[in-house]
Amino acid sequence: MLRHLAIRDFVIVDRLELGFSPGFGALTGETGAGKSILIDALALALGDRADAGVVRAGSDKAEVAATFEIGGLPQVAAWLAANDFDGDDELLLRRVLDAGGRSRGYINGSPATAQQLREVGEFLVDIHGQHAHQSLLRADAQRALLDSHAGLTAGAQQVATSYRLWRDAASALKLAASGTEALEREREQLEWQVRELATLAFAEDEWTGLELEHNRLAHAASLIEGAQFALDVLSDGEATCSSQLDRVATRVAGLASYDPDLQEVSGLLGSAQAELAEAVSTLRRYAGRVDLDPARLAEVERRMEAVLACARKYRAQPAELPGLLAGWQARLETLNESADLDALAARVEGLHAEYLRHARELSAGRQRVAGEMAAAVSALMQKLALASGRFEVGLLALAEGSVYGLEQVEFRVGGLAGLEAKPLAKVASGGELSRISLAIQVLTSRSASVPTLIFDEVDVGIGGGVAEIVGRLLRELGGERQVLCVTHLPQVAARAEWQWQVSKATRDGATLSSIEPLDDEQRVREIARMLGGVEVTDITLEHARELLRSTPENARK
């Protein structure tokens, strides 16, 4: 679960460090104080899209670091090991964003990409945004919710992959059937080109060797003459370098016995003698190997001309010819496969069968869970003052399969505006939609494996006795997971086990936001403010105390 969050120069927060507790906590404060900034900062550490606009005005960078306790999460340890990150019982995610929009991420101190932060973050935190009820009206969001709740996300991805493979093969078959004549002409031309380059048998590194050998053969006479001249000067002629160096070395060695300062010079001359002898030996071997070979020179020139002719013909450099051959061979293989319409048709049929197999498995899983999910959401709706409503998960069969499977997922509600169940978007008002969305989020959170759940003003549009029920639901959820709720409802905040207050103030001409943990008396005043507005009276204070006392869990403290 989330243990610690450090924020620096993020929006209107200069420096902030928070320690988190287990259970259900509430984050409250006046409108505009920056309650959602905490959620946005955590989302940045979890790999959310980086926007330079979140860097506090006048600062060169924003930084967020989140520490998680992961001792009971083997899937996180496995992910860290698979991605070569160090890990123990704690995990530190850090994100730094500069004013120019460049961001850097770190996992346990090692550099990490935003994608890697997102991947590991999916094991740690589930954030339910305040606009979740709006996305709930989209068919894709409904389908994703059902698949996630049923544990079918991987199966849905497999169906999508199988569908695309099948449709790509079907398109290739259609193209091959309609363009047989053009494809045949291309295939014949490629066969001729491949045959010509294959006959040339030109290797990838051959051209460099040919150039070197041609250079040597073309200048063989000069090389032989130069080698012999060097040998004459160094050792074979009269008054050679070798003999003169020997005399100098002998003379200096004798003088060194009189003055030790000449020992170093004597040593250097000895080294020069050895190196000169090695150079002479190497020159003798080279001179014995180099020979005039007009026949071989002509052979190399013919080979180079043949290669150059092919290169000019295909408008390429000689060294590029092997790559051209490999590309043509691959294309020819594809065309040969396309020319076999029966084989293509068989492949399409096989891929279609594979798609149907995966899609039917996905459909079976959806059908198995749809009824359970409908019953569970309906039960939660009863608690949220929607006693007449019932939730249904419709699975509408498609005439042909799609990338998402063999059916369309449709959330329906009955009993709110007539007995017949209708699509969610057509029957639910704003307040009803908020409650239904909250019921779905609570249900899916219970089935999720992440240890930390965050609800960012998901209780918008809810009030009165329903708000108290929402608080009770979140408190129950806090018994299983770590839950943090950003809320403006005193009934929800009163159910929390711990509470923080967000406030905004001006310091040194800058507007800054801060978060403070509240003790029991401070909680009374904050809930009184939430009940009565800016003016806190004795009546609202007593009402706040009564609200806290009416929460059995808090009353036992």
Protein backbone atom coordinates (compact mmCIF):
# COMPACT_ATOMS: atom_id res chain seq x y z
CA MET A 1 0.00 0.00 0.00
CA LEU A 2 0.97 3.67 -0.29
CA ARG A 3 3.19 4.70 2.63
CA HIS A 4 4.70 8.08 1.77
CA LEU A 5 4.29 10.81 -0.81
CA ALA A 6 6.68 13.72 -1.31
CA ILE A 7 5.71 16.59 -3.64
CA ARG A 8 7.86 19.55 -4.63
CA ASP A 9 6.92 22.57 -6.78
CA PHE A 10 3.81 20.94 -8.23
CA VAL A 11 1.03 23.38 -9.34
CA ILE A 12 0.50 25.40 -6.12
CA VAL A 13 2.37 23.07 -3.76
CA ASP A 14 5.92 24.12 -2.88
CA ARG A 15 6.98 21.30 -0.54
CA LEU A 16 4.78 18.61 0.94
CA GLU A 17 5.47 15.28 2.61
CA LEU A 18 2.66 12.94 3.65
CA GLY A 19 2.65 9.64 5.51
CA PHE A 20 -0.31 7.36 4.75
CA SER A 21 -2.11 4.95 7.07
CA PRO A 22 -4.14 1.82 6.31
CA GLY A 23 -7.94 1.88 6.16
CA PHE A 24 -10.26 4.61 4.92
CA GLY A 25 -9.06 8.22 4.85
CA ALA A 26 -10.80 11.38 3.67
CA LEU A 27 -9.27 14.45 2.04
CA THR A 28 -11.41 17.57 2.48
CA GLY A 29 -11.12 21.32 2.05
CA GLU A 30 -12.72 24.33 0.47
CA THR A 31 -13.45 24.39 -3.24
CA GLY A 32 -10.34 25.43 -5.15
CA ALA A 33 -7.98 24.64 -2.28
CA GLY A 34 -6.27 21.94 -4.35
CA LYS A 35 -7.78 18.67 -3.11
CA SER A 36 -7.29 16.94 -6.44
CA ILE A 37 -3.67 18.14 -6.73
CA LEU A 38 -2.62 15.27 -4.47
CA ILE A 39 -4.24 12.77 -6.84
CA ASP A 40 -2.71 14.44 -9.90
CA ALA A 41 0.76 14.37 -8.32
CA LEU A 42 0.46 10.68 -7.47
CA ALA A 43 -0.77 9.98 -11.00
CA LEU A 44 2.37 11.66 -12.36
CA ALA A 45 4.56 9.34 -10.27
CA LEU A 46 2.51 6.43 -11.63
CA GLY A 47 3.42 7.31 -15.22
CA ASP A 48 0.60 9.68 -16.17
CA ARG A 49 1.15 12.05 -19.09
CA ALA A 50 3.61 14.82 -18.20
CA ASP A 51 2.50 18.42 -18.78
CA ALA A 52 4.93 21.28 -18.17
CA GLY A 53 1.98 23.35 -16.93
CA VAL A 54 2.07 21.52 -13.57
CA VAL A 55 5.49 22.95 -12.71
CA ARG A 56 4.89 25.66 -10.09
CA ALA A 57 5.32 29.19 -11.43
CA GLY A 58 8.87 30.42 -10.94
CA SER A 59 10.30 26.90 -10.47
CA ASP A 60 12.56 25.07 -12.86
CA LYS A 61 11.14 21.61 -12.15
CA ALA A 62 8.47 19.62 -10.30
CA GLU A 63 9.23 16.40 -8.46
CA VAL A 64 7.00 13.67 -7.02
CA ALA A 65 8.17 10.57 -5.12
CA ALA A 66 5.82 7.82 -3.88
CA THR A 67 6.87 4.98 -1.57
CA PHE A 68 4.85 1.76 -1.48
CA GLU A 69 4.92 -1.25 0.81
CA ILE A 70 4.99 -4.30 -1.49
CA GLY A 71 5.84 -7.17 0.85
CA GLY A 72 2.58 -9.01 0.08
CA LEU A 73 2.57 -8.38 -3.67
CA PRO A 74 4.48 -11.16 -5.46
CA GLN A 75 3.32 -9.87 -8.85
CA VAL A 76 5.22 -6.61 -8.24
CA ALA A 77 8.38 -8.49 -7.24
CA ALA A 78 8.08 -10.62 -10.39
CA TRP A 79 7.65 -7.51 -12.57
CA LEU A 80 10.69 -5.82 -11.00
CA ALA A 81 12.83 -8.92 -11.58
CA ALA A 82 11.62 -9.29 -15.18
CA ASN A 83 12.52 -5.65 -15.90
CA ASP A 84 15.92 -5.71 -14.11
CA PHE A 85 14.98 -3.40 -11.24
CA ASP A 86 16.18 -3.90 -7.67
CA GLY A 87 13.41 -4.58 -5.16
CA ASP A 88 12.73 -5.47 -1.54
CA ASP A 89 9.72 -4.81 0.69
CA GLU A 90 9.51 -1.16 -0.40
CA LEU A 91 9.14 0.38 -3.85
CA LEU A 92 10.03 3.98 -4.65
CA LEU A 93 8.56 5.60 -7.78
CA ARG A 94 9.95 9.04 -8.63
CA ARG A 95 9.18 11.45 -11.46
CA VAL A 96 10.92 14.72 -12.26
CA LEU A 97 9.42 17.15 -14.78
CA ASP A 98 11.23 20.31 -15.88
CA ALA A 99 9.66 23.55 -17.04
CA GLY A 100 10.46 22.68 -20.65
CA GLY A 101 8.25 19.58 -20.53
CA ARG A 102 11.01 16.95 -20.31
CA SER A 103 10.42 14.28 -17.70
CA ARG A 104 12.57 11.60 -16.09
CA GLY A 105 11.31 8.59 -14.18
CA TYR A 106 12.99 6.34 -11.63
CA ILE A 107 12.11 3.01 -10.02
CA ASN A 108 14.06 2.31 -6.82
CA GLY A 109 16.65 4.84 -7.98
CA SER A 110 17.17 3.35 -11.45
CA PRO A 111 16.06 5.26 -14.58
CA ALA A 112 12.68 4.11 -15.91
CA THR A 113 10.34 5.07 -18.74
CA ALA A 114 6.84 6.46 -18.21
CA GLN A 115 5.49 3.19 -19.67
CA GLN A 116 7.36 1.20 -17.02
CA LEU A 117 5.97 3.46 -14.28
CA ARG A 118 2.46 2.87 -15.65
CA GLU A 119 2.97 -0.89 -15.81
CA VAL A 120 4.11 -1.27 -12.21
CA GLY A 121 1.58 1.34 -11.07
CA GLU A 122 -1.28 -0.86 -12.28
CA PHE A 123 -0.35 -3.35 -9.55
CA LEU A 124 -0.36 -0.67 -6.84
CA VAL A 125 -3.12 1.93 -7.20
CA ASP A 126 -6.57 2.15 -8.77
CA ILE A 127 -7.77 5.75 -9.23
CA HIS A 128 -11.47 6.40 -9.79
CA GLY A 129 -11.88 9.90 -11.19
CA GLN A 130 -14.72 12.31 -10.53
CA HIS A 131 -15.89 12.02 -14.14
CA ALA A 132 -16.06 8.21 -14.17
CA HIS A 133 -19.86 8.33 -14.44
CA GLN A 134 -19.53 10.19 -17.75
CA SER A 135 -17.24 7.58 -19.32
CA LEU A 136 -19.65 4.91 -18.09
CA LEU A 137 -22.01 5.92 -20.92
CA ARG A 138 -19.52 4.78 -23.58
CA ALA A 139 -19.80 1.26 -24.94
CA ASP A 140 -16.03 0.73 -24.85
CA ALA A 141 -15.86 1.71 -21.17
CA GLN A 142 -18.72 -0.69 -20.32
CA ARG A 143 -17.03 -3.54 -22.17
CA ALA A 144 -13.66 -2.83 -20.49
CA LEU A 145 -15.32 -2.75 -17.04
CA LEU A 146 -17.01 -6.10 -17.56
CA ASP A 147 -13.85 -7.75 -18.91
CA SER A 148 -11.72 -6.33 -16.11
CA HIS A 149 -14.19 -7.41 -13.42
CA ALA A 150 -14.38 -10.91 -14.94
CA GLY A 151 -10.60 -11.23 -15.30
CA LEU A 152 -10.97 -11.45 -19.08
CA THR A 153 -8.66 -8.60 -20.14
CA ALA A 154 -5.97 -10.96 -21.46
CA GLY A 155 -8.59 -13.00 -23.29
CA ALA A 156 -10.01 -9.85 -24.90
CA GLN A 157 -6.52 -8.91 -26.10
CA GLN A 158 -6.08 -12.38 -27.58
CA VAL A 159 -9.40 -12.03 -29.42
CA ALA A 160 -8.32 -8.66 -30.82
CA THR A 161 -5.01 -10.12 -32.04
CA SER A 162 -6.72 -13.12 -33.65
CA TYR A 163 -9.26 -10.87 -35.35
CA ARG A 164 -6.60 -8.64 -36.89
CA LEU A 165 -4.60 -11.65 -38.17
CA TRP A 166 -7.74 -13.11 -39.73
CA ARG A 167 -8.78 -9.82 -41.40
CA ASP A 168 -5.25 -9.16 -42.69
CA ALA A 169 -5.14 -12.63 -44.26
CA ALA A 170 -8.58 -12.08 -45.80
CA SER A 171 -7.43 -8.77 -47.30
CA ALA A 172 -4.33 -10.48 -48.74
CA LEU A 173 -6.53 -13.16 -50.32
CA LYS A 174 -8.83 -10.55 -51.82
CA LEU A 175 -5.89 -8.60 -53.22
CA ALA A 176 -4.29 -11.73 -54.67
CA ALA A 177 -7.54 -12.78 -56.34
CA SER A 178 -8.19 -9.36 -57.88
CA GLY A 179 -4.65 -8.57 -59.01
CA THR A 180 -3.38 -11.94 -60.23
CA GLU A 181 -2.11 -10.64 -63.61
CA ALA A 182 -0.17 -7.70 -62.14
CA LEU A 183 1.28 -9.87 -59.39
CA GLU A 184 2.39 -12.45 -61.95
CA ARG A 185 4.26 -9.81 -63.95
CA GLU A 186 5.98 -8.59 -60.80
CA ARG A 187 6.85 -12.15 -59.84
CA GLU A 188 8.44 -12.86 -63.27
CA GLN A 189 10.53 -9.69 -63.09
CA LEU A 190 11.71 -10.51 -59.58
CA GLU A 191 12.63 -14.05 -60.59
CA TRP A 192 14.84 -12.68 -63.38
CA GLN A 193 16.49 -10.12 -61.06
CA VAL A 194 17.07 -12.67 -58.30
CA ARG A 195 18.56 -15.11 -60.81
CA GLU A 196 20.96 -12.46 -62.15
CA LEU A 197 22.22 -11.41 -58.70
CA ALA A 198 22.37 -15.00 -57.47
CA THR A 199 24.53 -15.88 -60.49
CA LEU A 200 26.80 -12.94 -59.68
CA ALA A 201 27.27 -14.52 -56.19
CA PHE A 202 28.46 -11.25 -54.72
CA ALA A 203 29.14 -11.39 -50.97
CA GLU A 204 28.45 -8.49 -48.64
CA ASP A 205 32.12 -7.81 -47.75
CA GLU A 206 33.63 -8.83 -51.11
CA TRP A 207 33.83 -5.32 -52.60
CA THR A 208 36.24 -4.06 -49.94
CA GLY A 209 38.53 -7.03 -50.56
CA LEU A 210 38.41 -6.51 -54.33
CA GLU A 211 39.38 -2.85 -54.00
CA LEU A 212 42.33 -3.69 -51.75
CA GLU A 213 43.60 -6.47 -54.03
CA HIS A 214 43.20 -4.34 -57.16
CA ASN A 215 45.13 -1.52 -55.56
CA ARG A 216 47.97 -3.86 -54.66
CA LEU A 217 48.14 -5.61 -58.06
CA ALA A 218 47.91 -2.36 -60.03
CA HIS A 219 50.88 -0.91 -58.13
CA ALA A 220 52.90 -4.10 -57.78
CA ALA A 221 55.94 -2.71 -59.67
CA SER A 222 56.10 0.38 -57.48
CA LEU A 223 55.71 -1.73 -54.35
CA ILE A 224 58.55 -4.08 -55.33
CA GLU A 225 60.87 -1.19 -56.27
CA GLY A 226 60.09 0.69 -53.05
CA ALA A 227 60.67 -2.35 -50.84
CA GLN A 228 64.05 -3.06 -52.48
CA PHE A 229 65.10 0.61 -52.14
CA ALA A 230 64.27 0.51 -48.41
CA LEU A 231 66.28 -2.69 -47.94
CA ASP A 232 69.29 -1.18 -49.74
CA VAL A 233 69.27 1.90 -47.52
CA LEU A 234 68.68 0.02 -44.29
CA SER A 235 70.88 -3.07 -44.61
CA ASP A 236 71.88 -4.26 -48.09
CA GLY A 237 73.76 -1.31 -49.61
CA GLU A 238 76.95 0.49 -48.71
CA ALA A 239 77.08 2.63 -45.53
CA THR A 240 73.68 1.39 -44.49
CA CYS A 241 71.64 2.68 -41.58
CA SER A 242 72.05 -0.64 -39.82
CA SER A 243 75.88 -0.57 -39.88
CA GLN A 244 76.08 3.08 -38.83
CA LEU A 245 73.64 2.53 -35.98
CA ASP A 246 75.69 -0.47 -34.79
CA ARG A 247 78.86 1.69 -34.67
CA VAL A 248 77.12 4.48 -32.76
CA ALA A 249 75.59 2.03 -30.30
CA THR A 250 78.97 0.34 -29.66
CA ARG A 251 80.71 3.70 -29.12
CA VAL A 252 78.05 5.05 -26.71
CA ALA A 253 78.00 1.76 -24.76
CA GLY A 254 81.78 2.13 -24.21
CA LEU A 255 81.42 5.76 -23.10
CA ALA A 256 78.61 4.81 -20.69
CA SER A 257 81.17 2.92 -18.59
CA TYR A 258 82.80 6.31 -17.87
CA ASP A 259 79.57 8.28 -17.29
CA PRO A 260 76.36 6.55 -16.08
CA ASP A 261 74.29 9.40 -17.52
CA LEU A 262 74.79 7.80 -20.97
CA GLN A 263 73.22 4.50 -19.88
CA GLU A 264 69.74 5.71 -20.88
CA VAL A 265 70.97 6.74 -24.36
CA SER A 266 72.69 3.38 -24.75
CA GLY A 267 69.45 1.60 -23.90
CA LEU A 268 67.47 3.64 -26.43
CA LEU A 269 70.02 2.88 -29.15
CA GLY A 270 69.74 -0.83 -28.33
CA SER A 271 65.98 -0.64 -28.77
CA ALA A 272 66.44 1.16 -32.08
CA GLN A 273 68.75 -1.64 -33.27
CA ALA A 274 66.17 -4.28 -32.40
CA GLU A 275 63.31 -2.41 -34.12
CA LEU A 276 65.43 -1.74 -37.20
CA ALA A 277 66.30 -5.42 -37.45
CA GLU A 278 62.58 -6.31 -37.18
CA ALA A 279 61.70 -3.78 -39.90
CA VAL A 280 64.36 -5.24 -42.23
CA SER A 281 63.10 -8.78 -41.60
CA THR A 282 59.52 -7.77 -42.36
CA LEU A 283 60.56 -5.96 -45.53
CA ARG A 284 62.41 -9.06 -46.79
CA ARG A 285 59.30 -11.20 -46.27
CA TYR A 286 57.12 -8.60 -48.01
CA ALA A 287 59.50 -8.25 -50.98
CA GLY A 288 59.54 -12.00 -51.41
CA ARG A 289 55.73 -12.14 -51.46
CA VAL A 290 54.89 -9.25 -53.80
CA ASP A 291 55.00 -10.24 -57.44
CA LEU A 292 53.81 -8.92 -60.78
CA ASP A 293 50.65 -10.92 -61.73
CA PRO A 294 48.98 -9.39 -64.80
CA ALA A 295 46.61 -12.37 -65.14
CA ARG A 296 45.25 -11.97 -61.61
CA LEU A 297 44.99 -8.20 -62.09
CA ALA A 298 42.88 -8.75 -65.22
CA GLU A 299 40.71 -11.27 -63.36
CA VAL A 300 40.05 -8.83 -60.51
CA GLU A 301 39.23 -6.03 -62.94
CA ARG A 302 36.74 -8.24 -64.79
CA ARG A 303 35.07 -9.14 -61.49
CA MET A 304 34.86 -5.49 -60.44
CA GLU A 305 33.40 -4.49 -63.81
CA ALA A 306 30.71 -7.17 -63.54
CA VAL A 307 29.75 -5.95 -60.07
CA LEU A 308 29.75 -2.31 -61.17
CA ALA A 309 27.57 -3.13 -64.17
CA CYS A 310 24.92 -4.70 -61.89
CA ALA A 311 25.14 -1.80 -59.46
CA ARG A 312 24.61 0.74 -62.26
CA LYS A 313 21.76 -1.29 -63.65
CA TYR A 314 19.88 -1.29 -60.35
CA ARG A 315 21.01 2.22 -59.33
CA ALA A 316 22.77 1.05 -56.19
CA GLN A 317 26.22 1.04 -54.67
CA PRO A 318 28.17 -2.23 -55.06
CA ALA A 319 28.01 -2.92 -51.33
CA GLU A 320 24.17 -2.61 -51.45
CA LEU A 321 23.68 -5.47 -53.92
CA PRO A 322 23.48 -8.29 -51.32
CA GLY A 323 20.78 -6.34 -49.46
CA LEU A 324 18.83 -5.88 -52.69
CA LEU A 325 19.00 -9.62 -53.34
CA ALA A 326 17.73 -10.47 -49.86
CA GLY A 327 14.81 -8.03 -50.21
CA TRP A 328 13.84 -9.37 -53.62
CA GLN A 329 13.99 -12.94 -52.37
CA ALA A 330 11.67 -12.10 -49.46
CA ARG A 331 9.22 -10.31 -51.77
CA LEU A 332 9.34 -13.20 -54.24
CA GLU A 333 8.55 -15.64 -51.46
CA THR A 334 5.53 -13.53 -50.49
CA LEU A 335 4.35 -13.38 -54.11
CA ASN A 336 4.75 -17.13 -54.50
CA GLU A 337 2.55 -17.62 -51.45
CA SER A 338 0.02 -15.13 -52.85
CA ALA A 339 -0.04 -16.96 -56.15
CA ASP A 340 -1.36 -20.05 -54.36
CA LEU A 341 -4.95 -18.90 -53.82
CA ASP A 342 -5.95 -22.26 -52.35
CA ALA A 343 -3.24 -21.99 -49.69
CA LEU A 344 -4.26 -18.41 -48.92
CA ALA A 345 -7.90 -19.42 -48.60
CA ALA A 346 -6.95 -22.26 -46.28
CA ARG A 347 -4.94 -19.86 -44.12
CA VAL A 348 -7.87 -17.45 -43.91
CA GLU A 349 -10.15 -20.29 -42.90
CA GLY A 350 -7.71 -21.48 -40.24
CA LEU A 351 -7.26 -18.00 -38.77
CA HIS A 352 -11.04 -17.48 -38.77
CA ALA A 353 -11.51 -20.72 -36.85
CA GLU A 354 -8.86 -19.66 -34.36
CA TYR A 355 -10.57 -16.28 -33.92
CA LEU A 356 -13.93 -17.97 -33.33
CA ARG A 357 -12.40 -20.28 -30.74
CA HIS A 358 -10.92 -17.40 -28.75
CA ALA A 359 -14.05 -15.26 -29.19
CA ARG A 360 -16.36 -18.05 -27.97
CA GLU A 361 -14.18 -18.55 -24.90
CA LEU A 362 -14.45 -14.80 -24.23
CA SER A 363 -18.23 -14.90 -24.75
CA ALA A 364 -18.58 -17.79 -22.31
CA GLY A 365 -16.63 -15.86 -19.69
CA ARG A 366 -18.73 -12.74 -20.22
CA GLN A 367 -21.99 -14.70 -19.97
CA ARG A 368 -20.81 -16.40 -16.80
CA VAL A 369 -20.02 -13.11 -15.03
CA ALA A 370 -22.67 -10.79 -16.50
CA GLY A 371 -25.46 -12.12 -14.31
CA GLU A 372 -23.31 -12.07 -11.17
CA MET A 373 -22.20 -8.50 -11.84
CA ALA A 374 -25.79 -7.38 -12.54
CA ALA A 375 -27.04 -8.88 -9.26
CA ALA A 376 -24.18 -7.37 -7.22
CA VAL A 377 -24.59 -3.86 -8.70
CA SER A 378 -28.37 -4.08 -8.22
CA ALA A 379 -27.84 -4.91 -4.55
CA LEU A 380 -25.55 -1.90 -4.13
CA MET A 381 -28.10 0.29 -5.92
CA GLN A 382 -30.69 -0.68 -3.29
CA LYS A 383 -28.33 0.63 -0.60
CA LEU A 384 -27.85 3.86 -2.57
CA ALA A 385 -31.56 4.77 -2.52
CA LEU A 386 -32.30 3.28 -5.92
CA ALA A 387 -34.61 0.63 -4.51
CA SER A 388 -36.79 0.45 -7.61
CA GLY A 389 -33.87 0.05 -9.97
CA ARG A 390 -32.22 -3.07 -11.26
CA PHE A 391 -28.99 -3.32 -13.21
CA GLU A 392 -28.49 -5.59 -16.21
CA VAL A 393 -25.52 -6.43 -18.39
CA GLY A 394 -26.74 -7.01 -21.92
CA LEU A 395 -24.71 -9.08 -24.38
CA LEU A 396 -25.97 -8.25 -27.87
CA ALA A 397 -24.88 -10.79 -30.48
CA LEU A 398 -23.22 -9.36 -33.61
CA ALA A 399 -23.97 -10.72 -37.07
CA GLU A 400 -20.23 -10.90 -37.70
CA GLY A 401 -17.51 -10.91 -35.12
CA SER A 402 -15.61 -7.75 -34.31
CA VAL A 403 -12.21 -6.99 -32.87
CA TYR A 404 -13.94 -7.00 -29.45
CA GLY A 405 -15.61 -10.39 -29.81
CA LEU A 406 -18.95 -11.84 -30.84
CA GLU A 407 -21.16 -9.45 -28.86
CA GLN A 408 -21.60 -5.87 -27.84
CA VAL A 409 -21.70 -5.15 -24.11
CA GLU A 410 -24.50 -2.82 -22.99
CA PHE A 411 -25.24 -1.70 -19.43
CA ARG A 412 -28.98 -1.35 -18.83
CA VAL A 413 -31.16 -0.14 -16.00
CA GLY A 414 -34.78 -1.06 -15.37
CA GLY A 415 -37.33 0.19 -12.87
CA LEU A 416 -36.26 3.84 -12.80
CA ALA A 417 -38.39 5.08 -15.69
CA GLY A 418 -40.71 2.18 -16.40
CA LEU A 419 -40.31 -1.55 -15.96
CA GLU A 420 -38.45 -2.28 -19.18
CA ALA A 421 -34.67 -2.23 -18.94
CA LYS A 422 -33.13 0.34 -21.25
CA PRO A 423 -29.59 1.50 -22.02
CA LEU A 424 -28.02 3.40 -19.13
CA ALA A 425 -27.67 6.64 -21.08
CA LYS A 426 -31.40 6.79 -21.83
CA VAL A 427 -32.91 6.28 -18.41
CA ALA A 428 -30.59 7.56 -15.67
CA SER A 429 -30.55 11.17 -14.48
CA GLY A 430 -27.31 12.83 -13.39
CA GLY A 431 -27.71 11.92 -9.71
CA GLU A 432 -28.83 8.39 -10.51
CA LEU A 433 -25.93 7.91 -12.89
CA SER A 434 -23.48 9.02 -10.19
CA ARG A 435 -24.86 6.46 -7.74
CA ILE A 436 -24.88 3.66 -10.31
CA SER A 437 -21.32 4.54 -11.28
CA LEU A 438 -20.27 4.48 -7.62
CA ALA A 439 -21.92 1.07 -7.15
CA ILE A 440 -19.99 -0.31 -10.15
CA GLN A 441 -16.72 1.21 -8.96
CA VAL A 442 -17.12 -0.22 -5.46
CA LEU A 443 -17.90 -3.65 -6.93
CA THR A 444 -15.00 -3.67 -9.39
CA SER A 445 -12.63 -2.37 -6.71
CA ARG A 446 -13.53 -5.32 -4.49
CA SER A 447 -12.63 -7.72 -7.27
CA ALA A 448 -9.39 -5.92 -8.15
CA SER A 449 -6.06 -7.00 -6.67
CA VAL A 450 -4.54 -3.54 -6.13
CA PRO A 451 -3.97 -2.63 -2.45
CA THR A 452 -4.73 1.11 -2.73
CA LEU A 453 -7.98 2.62 -4.02
CA ILE A 454 -8.47 6.36 -4.58
CA PHE A 455 -11.85 7.97 -5.19
CA ASP A 456 -11.63 11.54 -6.46
CA GLU A 457 -15.00 13.20 -5.76
CA VAL A 458 -16.93 10.23 -7.10
CA ASP A 459 -19.77 11.24 -4.74
CA VAL A 460 -20.64 14.30 -6.85
CA GLY A 461 -24.39 14.60 -7.33
CA ILE A 462 -25.08 12.65 -4.13
CA GLY A 463 -26.39 14.05 -0.84
CA GLY A 464 -28.52 13.46 2.20
CA GLY A 465 -28.94 9.96 3.52
CA VAL A 466 -27.34 8.49 0.41
CA ALA A 467 -24.08 10.24 1.29
CA GLU A 468 -24.04 8.45 4.65
CA ILE A 469 -24.46 5.11 2.85
CA VAL A 470 -21.61 6.00 0.50
CA GLY A 471 -19.42 6.70 3.50
CA ARG A 472 -20.37 3.35 5.00
CA LEU A 473 -19.54 1.53 1.76
CA LEU A 474 -16.13 3.19 1.56
CA ARG A 475 -15.49 2.39 5.24
CA GLU A 476 -16.30 -1.28 4.56
CA LEU A 477 -13.96 -1.20 1.58
CA GLY A 478 -11.28 0.32 3.82
CA GLY A 479 -11.39 -2.81 5.94
CA GLU A 480 -10.03 -4.75 2.95
CA ARG A 481 -7.87 -2.14 1.19
CA GLN A 482 -6.27 1.23 1.73
CA VAL A 483 -8.90 3.76 0.58
CA LEU A 484 -8.49 7.51 0.08
CA CYS A 485 -11.49 9.61 -0.90
CA VAL A 486 -11.44 13.25 -1.96
CA THR A 487 -14.89 14.42 -0.87
CA HIS A 488 -17.02 17.48 -0.20
CA LEU A 489 -19.65 15.53 1.75
CA PRO A 490 -19.48 15.66 5.58
CA GLN A 491 -21.38 12.36 5.84
CA VAL A 492 -18.62 10.63 3.86
CA ALA A 493 -15.77 12.36 5.71
CA ALA A 494 -17.30 11.42 9.08
CA ARG A 495 -17.00 7.75 8.21
CA ALA A 496 -13.26 8.01 7.57
CA GLU A 497 -10.74 6.57 10.01
CA TRP A 498 -8.40 9.49 9.39
CA GLN A 499 -8.87 12.85 7.72
CA TRP A 500 -6.69 15.48 6.07
CA GLN A 501 -7.60 19.06 5.33
CA VAL A 502 -6.41 20.95 2.27
CA SER A 503 -6.03 24.70 2.63
CA LYS A 504 -4.77 27.50 0.45
CA ALA A 505 -2.92 30.62 1.56
CA THR A 506 -0.80 33.43 0.13
CA ARG A 507 2.83 33.57 1.23
CA ASP A 508 5.37 36.04 -0.15
CA GLY A 509 2.97 36.95 -2.93
CA ALA A 510 2.47 33.33 -4.04
CA THR A 511 -0.64 31.21 -3.57
CA LEU A 512 0.32 27.88 -2.00
CA SER A 513 -1.63 24.80 -1.01
CA SER A 514 -0.93 22.69 2.07
CA ILE A 515 -2.35 19.51 3.62
CA GLU A 516 -2.57 18.88 7.35
CA PRO A 517 -3.72 15.80 9.29
CA LEU A 518 -6.62 16.56 11.64
CA ASP A 519 -7.00 15.48 15.26
CA ASP A 520 -10.41 14.79 16.76
CA GLU A 521 -11.27 18.39 17.58
CA GLN A 522 -9.97 19.67 14.24
CA ARG A 523 -12.13 17.08 12.49
CA VAL A 524 -15.17 18.47 14.32
CA ARG A 525 -14.46 21.99 13.06
CA GLU A 526 -13.76 20.82 9.49
CA ILE A 527 -16.94 18.77 9.30
CA ALA A 528 -18.84 21.72 10.79
CA ARG A 529 -17.45 23.88 8.00
CA MET A 530 -18.57 21.29 5.44
CA LEU A 531 -22.03 21.28 7.01
CA GLY A 532 -22.56 25.01 7.40
CA GLY A 533 -20.18 26.77 5.04
CA VAL A 534 -17.67 29.46 5.99
CA GLU A 535 -19.58 30.52 9.13
CA VAL A 536 -19.02 27.89 11.84
CA THR A 537 -21.59 28.19 14.63
CA ASP A 538 -22.23 26.32 17.86
CA ILE A 539 -25.11 24.58 16.12
CA THR A 540 -22.97 23.33 13.25
CA LEU A 541 -20.24 22.27 15.69
CA GLU A 542 -22.75 20.23 17.68
CA HIS A 543 -24.14 18.78 14.47
CA ALA A 544 -20.59 17.78 13.44
CA ARG A 545 -19.99 16.10 16.80
CA GLU A 546 -23.26 14.27 16.50
CA LEU A 547 -22.36 13.14 12.98
CA LEU A 548 -19.03 11.76 14.20
CA ARG A 549 -20.67 10.15 17.23
CA SER A 550 -23.28 8.52 14.99
CA THR A 551 -20.49 6.66 13.22
CA PRO A 552 -20.13 3.50 15.32
CA GLU A 553 -16.48 3.03 14.46
CA ASN A 554 -15.59 6.58 15.51
CA ALA A 555 -17.82 6.47 18.59
CA ARG A 556 -15.76 3.57 19.96
CA LYS A 557 -12.55 5.60 19.88
